[in-house]
Amino acid sequence: MASFENAYVYFTSLPDGINEMVVPCTDGYTIYIDESLNDDDRMRAYKHALKHIDNRDFEGGDEKSVQKIESRAHKKN
């Protein structure tokens, strides 16, 4: 997995069932992680977010569905 110097991480309250969220920004990515997760789950959520960045899931426009992106991310453990 690549190293991401411009990934900013914030712990915040997220809707039920959402452990993390990644938002591309002009100088990198912002990763939001659900503050209610324990340390192990926070690390899993962080690594999952980095997979999305590493897979370039935010490039290519609308042709990538969330379902396809998540399916691929969960297959690459």
PDB file of N, CA and C in Angstrom:
ATOM      1  N   MET A   1       0.847  -1.178   0.000  1.00  0.00           N
ATOM      2  CA  MET A   1       0.000   0.000   0.000  1.00  0.00           C
ATOM      3  C   MET A   1       0.891   1.238   0.000  1.00  0.00           C
ATOM      4  N   ALA A   2       0.490   2.214  -0.730  1.00  0.00           N
ATOM      5  CA  ALA A   2       1.263   3.449  -0.846  1.00  0.00           C
ATOM      6  C   ALA A   2       1.197   4.261   0.446  1.00  0.00           C
ATOM      7  N   SER A   3       2.126   5.180   0.595  1.00  0.00           N
ATOM      8  CA  SER A   3       2.125   6.108   1.715  1.00  0.00           C
ATOM      9  C   SER A   3       1.470   7.405   1.256  1.00  0.00           C
ATOM     10  N   PHE A   4       0.640   7.970   2.103  1.00  0.00           N
ATOM     11  CA  PHE A   4      -0.105   9.162   1.714  1.00  0.00           C
ATOM     12  C   PHE A   4       0.192  10.289   2.690  1.00  0.00           C
ATOM     13  N   GLU A   5       1.092  11.172   2.281  1.00  0.00           N
ATOM     14  CA  GLU A   5       1.460  12.292   3.136  1.00  0.00           C
ATOM     15  C   GLU A   5       0.350  13.325   3.210  1.00  0.00           C
ATOM     16  N   ASN A   6      -0.477  13.409   2.199  1.00  0.00           N
ATOM     17  CA  ASN A   6      -1.532  14.414   2.161  1.00  0.00           C
ATOM     18  C   ASN A   6      -2.901  13.813   2.437  1.00  0.00           C
ATOM     19  N   ALA A   7      -2.951  12.899   3.385  1.00  0.00           N
ATOM     20  CA  ALA A   7      -4.225  12.351   3.835  1.00  0.00           C
ATOM     21  C   ALA A   7      -4.468  12.888   5.241  1.00  0.00           C
ATOM     22  N   TYR A   8      -5.481  13.717   5.378  1.00  0.00           N
ATOM     23  CA  TYR A   8      -5.821  14.334   6.650  1.00  0.00           C
ATOM     24  C   TYR A   8      -6.923  13.509   7.295  1.00  0.00           C
ATOM     25  N   VAL A   9      -6.735  13.138   8.551  1.00  0.00           N
ATOM     26  CA  VAL A   9      -7.667  12.238   9.223  1.00  0.00           C
ATOM     27  C   VAL A   9      -8.374  12.975  10.356  1.00  0.00           C
ATOM     28  N   TYR A  10      -9.706  12.812  10.391  1.00  0.00           N
ATOM     29  CA  TYR A  10     -10.529  13.402  11.440  1.00  0.00           C
ATOM     30  C   TYR A  10     -11.436  12.327  12.013  1.00  0.00           C
ATOM     31  N   PHE A  11     -11.621  12.349  13.318  1.00  0.00           N
ATOM     32  CA  PHE A  11     -12.561  11.456  13.979  1.00  0.00           C
ATOM     33  C   PHE A  11     -13.829  12.249  14.253  1.00  0.00           C
ATOM     34  N   THR A  12     -14.946  11.701  13.796  1.00  0.00           N
ATOM     35  CA  THR A  12     -16.213  12.404  13.914  1.00  0.00           C
ATOM     36  C   THR A  12     -17.348  11.396  13.990  1.00  0.00           C
ATOM     37  N   SER A  13     -18.521  11.864  14.298  1.00  0.00           N
ATOM     38  CA  SER A  13     -19.706  11.009  14.317  1.00  0.00           C
ATOM     39  C   SER A  13     -20.187  10.808  12.882  1.00  0.00           C
ATOM     40  N   LEU A  14     -20.336   9.546  12.484  1.00  0.00           N
ATOM     41  CA  LEU A  14     -20.836   9.210  11.150  1.00  0.00           C
ATOM     42  C   LEU A  14     -22.142   8.432  11.297  1.00  0.00           C
ATOM     43  N   PRO A  15     -22.965   8.404  10.255  1.00  0.00           N
ATOM     44  CA  PRO A  15     -24.227   7.659  10.325  1.00  0.00           C
ATOM     45  C   PRO A  15     -23.981   6.170  10.617  1.00  0.00           C
ATOM     46  N   ASP A  16     -24.972   5.521  11.208  1.00  0.00           N
ATOM     47  CA  ASP A  16     -24.873   4.091  11.512  1.00  0.00           C
ATOM     48  C   ASP A  16     -24.469   3.302  10.277  1.00  0.00           C
ATOM     49  N   GLY A  17     -23.532   2.393  10.454  1.00  0.00           N
ATOM     50  CA  GLY A  17     -23.091   1.540   9.360  1.00  0.00           C
ATOM     51  C   GLY A  17     -21.981   2.127   8.511  1.00  0.00           C
ATOM     52  N   ILE A  18     -21.629   3.389   8.749  1.00  0.00           N
ATOM     53  CA  ILE A  18     -20.544   4.041   8.007  1.00  0.00           C
ATOM     54  C   ILE A  18     -19.351   4.156   8.954  1.00  0.00           C
ATOM     55  N   ASN A  19     -18.290   3.421   8.661  1.00  0.00           N
ATOM     56  CA  ASN A  19     -17.101   3.460   9.515  1.00  0.00           C
ATOM     57  C   ASN A  19     -16.112   4.531   9.106  1.00  0.00           C
ATOM     58  N   GLU A  20     -16.067   4.811   7.798  1.00  0.00           N
ATOM     59  CA  GLU A  20     -15.143   5.827   7.304  1.00  0.00           C
ATOM     60  C   GLU A  20     -15.669   6.415   6.011  1.00  0.00           C
ATOM     61  N   MET A  21     -15.138   7.582   5.695  1.00  0.00           N
ATOM     62  CA  MET A  21     -15.520   8.271   4.461  1.00  0.00           C
ATOM     63  C   MET A  21     -14.284   9.015   3.964  1.00  0.00           C
ATOM     64  N   VAL A  22     -14.055   8.971   2.658  1.00  0.00           N
ATOM     65  CA  VAL A  22     -12.906   9.649   2.060  1.00  0.00           C
ATOM     66  C   VAL A  22     -13.420  10.728   1.122  1.00  0.00           C
ATOM     67  N   VAL A  23     -12.847  11.917   1.249  1.00  0.00           N
ATOM     68  CA  VAL A  23     -13.225  13.036   0.394  1.00  0.00           C
ATOM     69  C   VAL A  23     -11.962  13.584  -0.266  1.00  0.00           C
ATOM     70  N   PRO A  24     -11.897  13.540  -1.608  1.00  0.00           N
ATOM     71  CA  PRO A  24     -10.752  14.154  -2.284  1.00  0.00           C
ATOM     72  C   PRO A  24     -10.786  15.673  -2.088  1.00  0.00           C
ATOM     73  N   CYS A  25      -9.629  16.278  -1.903  1.00  0.00           N
ATOM     74  CA  CYS A  25      -9.550  17.736  -1.808  1.00  0.00           C
ATOM     75  C   CYS A  25      -8.372  18.203  -2.660  1.00  0.00           C
ATOM     76  N   THR A  26      -8.204  19.485  -2.796  1.00  0.00           N
ATOM     77  CA  THR A  26      -7.202  20.021  -3.718  1.00  0.00           C
ATOM     78  C   THR A  26      -5.776  19.617  -3.363  1.00  0.00           C
ATOM     79  N   ASP A  27      -5.495  19.396  -2.089  1.00  0.00           N
ATOM     80  CA  ASP A  27      -4.123  19.067  -1.688  1.00  0.00           C
ATOM     81  C   ASP A  27      -3.979  17.648  -1.135  1.00  0.00           C
ATOM     82  N   GLY A  28      -4.909  16.767  -1.466  1.00  0.00           N
ATOM     83  CA  GLY A  28      -4.817  15.382  -1.004  1.00  0.00           C
ATOM     84  C   GLY A  28      -6.197  14.798  -0.761  1.00  0.00           C
ATOM     85  N   TYR A  29      -6.350  14.169   0.390  1.00  0.00           N
ATOM     86  CA  TYR A  29      -7.612  13.528   0.749  1.00  0.00           C
ATOM     87  C   TYR A  29      -7.920  13.797   2.208  1.00  0.00           C
ATOM     88  N   THR A  30      -9.191  13.895   2.525  1.00  0.00           N
ATOM     89  CA  THR A  30      -9.639  13.971   3.900  1.00  0.00           C
ATOM     90  C   THR A  30     -10.332  12.660   4.221  1.00  0.00           C
ATOM     91  N   ILE A  31      -9.898  12.022   5.295  1.00  0.00           N
ATOM     92  CA  ILE A  31     -10.488  10.767   5.743  1.00  0.00           C
ATOM     93  C   ILE A  31     -11.220  11.036   7.051  1.00  0.00           C
ATOM     94  N   TYR A  32     -12.503  10.729   7.063  1.00  0.00           N
ATOM     95  CA  TYR A  32     -13.309  10.840   8.274  1.00  0.00           C
ATOM     96  C   TYR A  32     -13.526   9.435   8.814  1.00  0.00           C
ATOM     97  N   ILE A  33     -13.239   9.231  10.092  1.00  0.00           N
ATOM     98  CA  ILE A  33     -13.412   7.933  10.732  1.00  0.00           C
ATOM     99  C   ILE A  33     -14.386   8.101  11.885  1.00  0.00           C
ATOM    100  N   ASP A  34     -15.311   7.148  11.999  1.00  0.00           N
ATOM    101  CA  ASP A  34     -16.334   7.217  13.047  1.00  0.00           C
ATOM    102  C   ASP A  34     -15.673   7.171  14.422  1.00  0.00           C
ATOM    103  N   GLU A  35     -15.935   8.192  15.220  1.00  0.00           N
ATOM    104  CA  GLU A  35     -15.310   8.319  16.528  1.00  0.00           C
ATOM    105  C   GLU A  35     -15.771   7.256  17.519  1.00  0.00           C
ATOM    106  N   SER A  36     -16.877   6.574  17.245  1.00  0.00           N
ATOM    107  CA  SER A  36     -17.384   5.564  18.180  1.00  0.00           C
ATOM    108  C   SER A  36     -16.683   4.212  18.029  1.00  0.00           C
ATOM    109  N   LEU A  37     -15.832   4.060  17.016  1.00  0.00           N
ATOM    110  CA  LEU A  37     -15.126   2.798  16.805  1.00  0.00           C
ATOM    111  C   LEU A  37     -14.015   2.613  17.838  1.00  0.00           C
ATOM    112  N   ASN A  38     -13.733   1.355  18.169  1.00  0.00           N
ATOM    113  CA  ASN A  38     -12.589   1.099  19.046  1.00  0.00           C
ATOM    114  C   ASN A  38     -11.301   1.236  18.225  1.00  0.00           C
ATOM    115  N   ASP A  39     -10.163   1.163  18.890  1.00  0.00           N
ATOM    116  CA  ASP A  39      -8.882   1.404  18.208  1.00  0.00           C
ATOM    117  C   ASP A  39      -8.640   0.442  17.050  1.00  0.00           C
ATOM    118  N   ASP A  40      -8.946  -0.837  17.243  1.00  0.00           N
ATOM    119  CA  ASP A  40      -8.736  -1.815  16.165  1.00  0.00           C
ATOM    120  C   ASP A  40      -9.616  -1.515  14.962  1.00  0.00           C
ATOM    121  N   ASP A  41     -10.887  -1.193  15.214  1.00  0.00           N
ATOM    122  CA  ASP A  41     -11.802  -0.885  14.115  1.00  0.00           C
ATOM    123  C   ASP A  41     -11.442   0.430  13.436  1.00  0.00           C
ATOM    124  N   ARG A  42     -10.918   1.377  14.208  1.00  0.00           N
ATOM    125  CA  ARG A  42     -10.454   2.637  13.597  1.00  0.00           C
ATOM    126  C   ARG A  42      -9.303   2.366  12.625  1.00  0.00           C
ATOM    127  N   MET A  43      -8.379   1.498  13.028  1.00  0.00           N
ATOM    128  CA  MET A  43      -7.250   1.171  12.156  1.00  0.00           C
ATOM    129  C   MET A  43      -7.737   0.444  10.904  1.00  0.00           C
ATOM    130  N   ARG A  44      -8.693  -0.478  11.066  1.00  0.00           N
ATOM    131  CA  ARG A  44      -9.254  -1.167   9.897  1.00  0.00           C
ATOM    132  C   ARG A  44      -9.931  -0.170   8.964  1.00  0.00           C
ATOM    133  N   ALA A  45     -10.670   0.775   9.522  1.00  0.00           N
ATOM    134  CA  ALA A  45     -11.350   1.790   8.710  1.00  0.00           C
ATOM    135  C   ALA A  45     -10.330   2.659   7.980  1.00  0.00           C
ATOM    136  N   TYR A  46      -9.260   3.032   8.671  1.00  0.00           N
ATOM    137  CA  TYR A  46      -8.205   3.845   8.062  1.00  0.00           C
ATOM    138  C   TYR A  46      -7.551   3.095   6.900  1.00  0.00           C
ATOM    139  N   LYS A  47      -7.208   1.828   7.118  1.00  0.00           N
ATOM    140  CA  LYS A  47      -6.591   1.028   6.054  1.00  0.00           C
ATOM    141  C   LYS A  47      -7.543   0.848   4.880  1.00  0.00           C
ATOM    142  N   HIS A  48      -8.832   0.707   5.174  1.00  0.00           N
ATOM    143  CA  HIS A  48      -9.830   0.581   4.111  1.00  0.00           C
ATOM    144  C   HIS A  48      -9.875   1.870   3.285  1.00  0.00           C
ATOM    145  N   ALA A  49      -9.839   3.004   3.956  1.00  0.00           N
ATOM    146  CA  ALA A  49      -9.839   4.291   3.254  1.00  0.00           C
ATOM    147  C   ALA A  49      -8.595   4.426   2.377  1.00  0.00           C
ATOM    148  N   LEU A  50      -7.441   4.018   2.900  1.00  0.00           N
ATOM    149  CA  LEU A  50      -6.211   4.093   2.112  1.00  0.00           C
ATOM    150  C   LEU A  50      -6.274   3.198   0.883  1.00  0.00           C
ATOM    151  N   LYS A  51      -6.961   2.051   0.993  1.00  0.00           N
ATOM    152  CA  LYS A  51      -7.139   1.184  -0.182  1.00  0.00           C
ATOM    153  C   LYS A  51      -7.868   1.922  -1.292  1.00  0.00           C
ATOM    154  N   HIS A  52      -8.903   2.680  -0.912  1.00  0.00           N
ATOM    155  CA  HIS A  52      -9.652   3.433  -1.922  1.00  0.00           C
ATOM    156  C   HIS A  52      -8.756   4.460  -2.607  1.00  0.00           C
ATOM    157  N   ILE A  53      -7.911   5.112  -1.830  1.00  0.00           N
ATOM    158  CA  ILE A  53      -6.996   6.095  -2.411  1.00  0.00           C
ATOM    159  C   ILE A  53      -5.979   5.381  -3.304  1.00  0.00           C
ATOM    160  N   ASP A  54      -5.408   4.299  -2.801  1.00  0.00           N
ATOM    161  CA  ASP A  54      -4.407   3.535  -3.549  1.00  0.00           C
ATOM    162  C   ASP A  54      -4.985   2.953  -4.840  1.00  0.00           C
ATOM    163  N   ASN A  55      -6.253   2.556  -4.810  1.00  0.00           N
ATOM    164  CA  ASN A  55      -6.930   2.001  -5.992  1.00  0.00           C
ATOM    165  C   ASN A  55      -7.385   3.079  -6.976  1.00  0.00           C
ATOM    166  N   ARG A  56      -7.172   4.331  -6.606  1.00  0.00           N
ATOM    167  CA  ARG A  56      -7.589   5.467  -7.445  1.00  0.00           C
ATOM    168  C   ARG A  56      -9.097   5.450  -7.707  1.00  0.00           C
ATOM    169  N   ASP A  57      -9.847   5.099  -6.674  1.00  0.00           N
ATOM    170  CA  ASP A  57     -11.298   5.002  -6.801  1.00  0.00           C
ATOM    171  C   ASP A  57     -11.980   6.345  -7.027  1.00  0.00           C
ATOM    172  N   PHE A  58     -11.265   7.433  -6.826  1.00  0.00           N
ATOM    173  CA  PHE A  58     -11.875   8.752  -6.978  1.00  0.00           C
ATOM    174  C   PHE A  58     -11.569   9.369  -8.332  1.00  0.00           C
ATOM    175  N   GLU A  59     -10.914   8.605  -9.179  1.00  0.00           N
ATOM    176  CA  GLU A  59     -10.615   9.061 -10.532  1.00  0.00           C
ATOM    177  C   GLU A  59     -11.531   8.340 -11.509  1.00  0.00           C
ATOM    178  N   GLY A  60     -11.891   8.977 -12.586  1.00  0.00           N
ATOM    179  CA  GLY A  60     -12.639   8.298 -13.630  1.00  0.00           C
ATOM    180  C   GLY A  60     -14.102   8.651 -13.711  1.00  0.00           C
ATOM    181  N   GLY A  61     -14.582   9.466 -12.823  1.00  0.00           N
ATOM    182  CA  GLY A  61     -15.950   9.953 -12.957  1.00  0.00           C
ATOM    183  C   GLY A  61     -17.029   8.992 -12.517  1.00  0.00           C
ATOM    184  N   ASP A  62     -18.207   9.147 -13.110  1.00  0.00           N
ATOM    185  CA  ASP A  62     -19.411   8.462 -12.667  1.00  0.00           C
ATOM    186  C   ASP A  62     -19.494   6.995 -13.053  1.00  0.00           C
ATOM    187  N   GLU A  63     -18.605   6.508 -13.919  1.00  0.00           N
ATOM    188  CA  GLU A  63     -18.742   5.122 -14.363  1.00  0.00           C
ATOM    189  C   GLU A  63     -18.415   4.108 -13.274  1.00  0.00           C
ATOM    190  N   LYS A  64     -17.809   4.542 -12.195  1.00  0.00           N
ATOM    191  CA  LYS A  64     -17.507   3.646 -11.087  1.00  0.00           C
ATOM    192  C   LYS A  64     -18.638   3.719 -10.064  1.00  0.00           C
ATOM    193  N   SER A  65     -19.349   2.619  -9.890  1.00  0.00           N
ATOM    194  CA  SER A  65     -20.414   2.607  -8.893  1.00  0.00           C
ATOM    195  C   SER A  65     -19.829   2.296  -7.522  1.00  0.00           C
ATOM    196  N   VAL A  66     -20.498   2.767  -6.494  1.00  0.00           N
ATOM    197  CA  VAL A  66     -20.054   2.510  -5.129  1.00  0.00           C
ATOM    198  C   VAL A  66     -20.002   1.008  -4.872  1.00  0.00           C
ATOM    199  N   GLN A  67     -20.988   0.277  -5.375  1.00  0.00           N
ATOM    200  CA  GLN A  67     -21.029  -1.166  -5.159  1.00  0.00           C
ATOM    201  C   GLN A  67     -19.796  -1.850  -5.757  1.00  0.00           C
ATOM    202  N   LYS A  68     -19.410  -1.473  -6.967  1.00  0.00           N
ATOM    203  CA  LYS A  68     -18.235  -2.073  -7.604  1.00  0.00           C
ATOM    204  C   LYS A  68     -16.959  -1.709  -6.849  1.00  0.00           C
ATOM    205  N   ILE A  69     -16.862  -0.463  -6.436  1.00  0.00           N
ATOM    206  CA  ILE A  69     -15.677  -0.004  -5.707  1.00  0.00           C
ATOM    207  C   ILE A  69     -15.542  -0.764  -4.394  1.00  0.00           C
ATOM    208  N   GLU A  70     -16.633  -0.870  -3.632  1.00  0.00           N
ATOM    209  CA  GLU A  70     -16.590  -1.568  -2.348  1.00  0.00           C
ATOM    210  C   GLU A  70     -16.309  -3.053  -2.538  1.00  0.00           C
ATOM    211  N   SER A  71     -16.900  -3.643  -3.543  1.00  0.00           N
ATOM    212  CA  SER A  71     -16.671  -5.061  -3.817  1.00  0.00           C
ATOM    213  C   SER A  71     -15.194  -5.321  -4.072  1.00  0.00           C
ATOM    214  N   ARG A  72     -14.578  -4.479  -4.888  1.00  0.00           N
ATOM    215  CA  ARG A  72     -13.157  -4.634  -5.192  1.00  0.00           C
ATOM    216  C   ARG A  72     -12.300  -4.380  -3.947  1.00  0.00           C
ATOM    217  N   ALA A  73     -12.647  -3.379  -3.165  1.00  0.00           N
ATOM    218  CA  ALA A  73     -11.860  -3.053  -1.971  1.00  0.00           C
ATOM    219  C   ALA A  73     -11.899  -4.189  -0.955  1.00  0.00           C
ATOM    220  N   HIS A  74     -13.036  -4.842  -0.825  1.00  0.00           N
ATOM    221  CA  HIS A  74     -13.153  -5.926   0.150  1.00  0.00           C
ATOM    222  C   HIS A  74     -12.495  -7.209  -0.328  1.00  0.00           C
ATOM    223  N   LYS A  75     -12.321  -7.363  -1.629  1.00  0.00           N
ATOM    224  CA  LYS A  75     -11.643  -8.549  -2.157  1.00  0.00           C
ATOM    225  C   LYS A  75     -10.141  -8.453  -1.981  1.00  0.00           C
ATOM    226  N   LYS A  76      -9.602  -7.234  -1.918  1.00  0.00           N
ATOM    227  CA  LYS A  76      -8.152  -7.019  -1.777  1.00  0.00           C
ATOM    228  C   LYS A  76      -7.814  -6.862  -0.303  1.00  0.00           C
ATOM    229  N   ASN A  77      -7.598  -7.925   0.374  1.00  0.00           N
ATOM    230  CA  ASN A  77      -7.243  -7.848   1.793  1.00  0.00           C
ATOM    231  C   ASN A  77      -5.801  -7.882   1.926  1.00  0.00           C
TER     232      ASN A  77
END
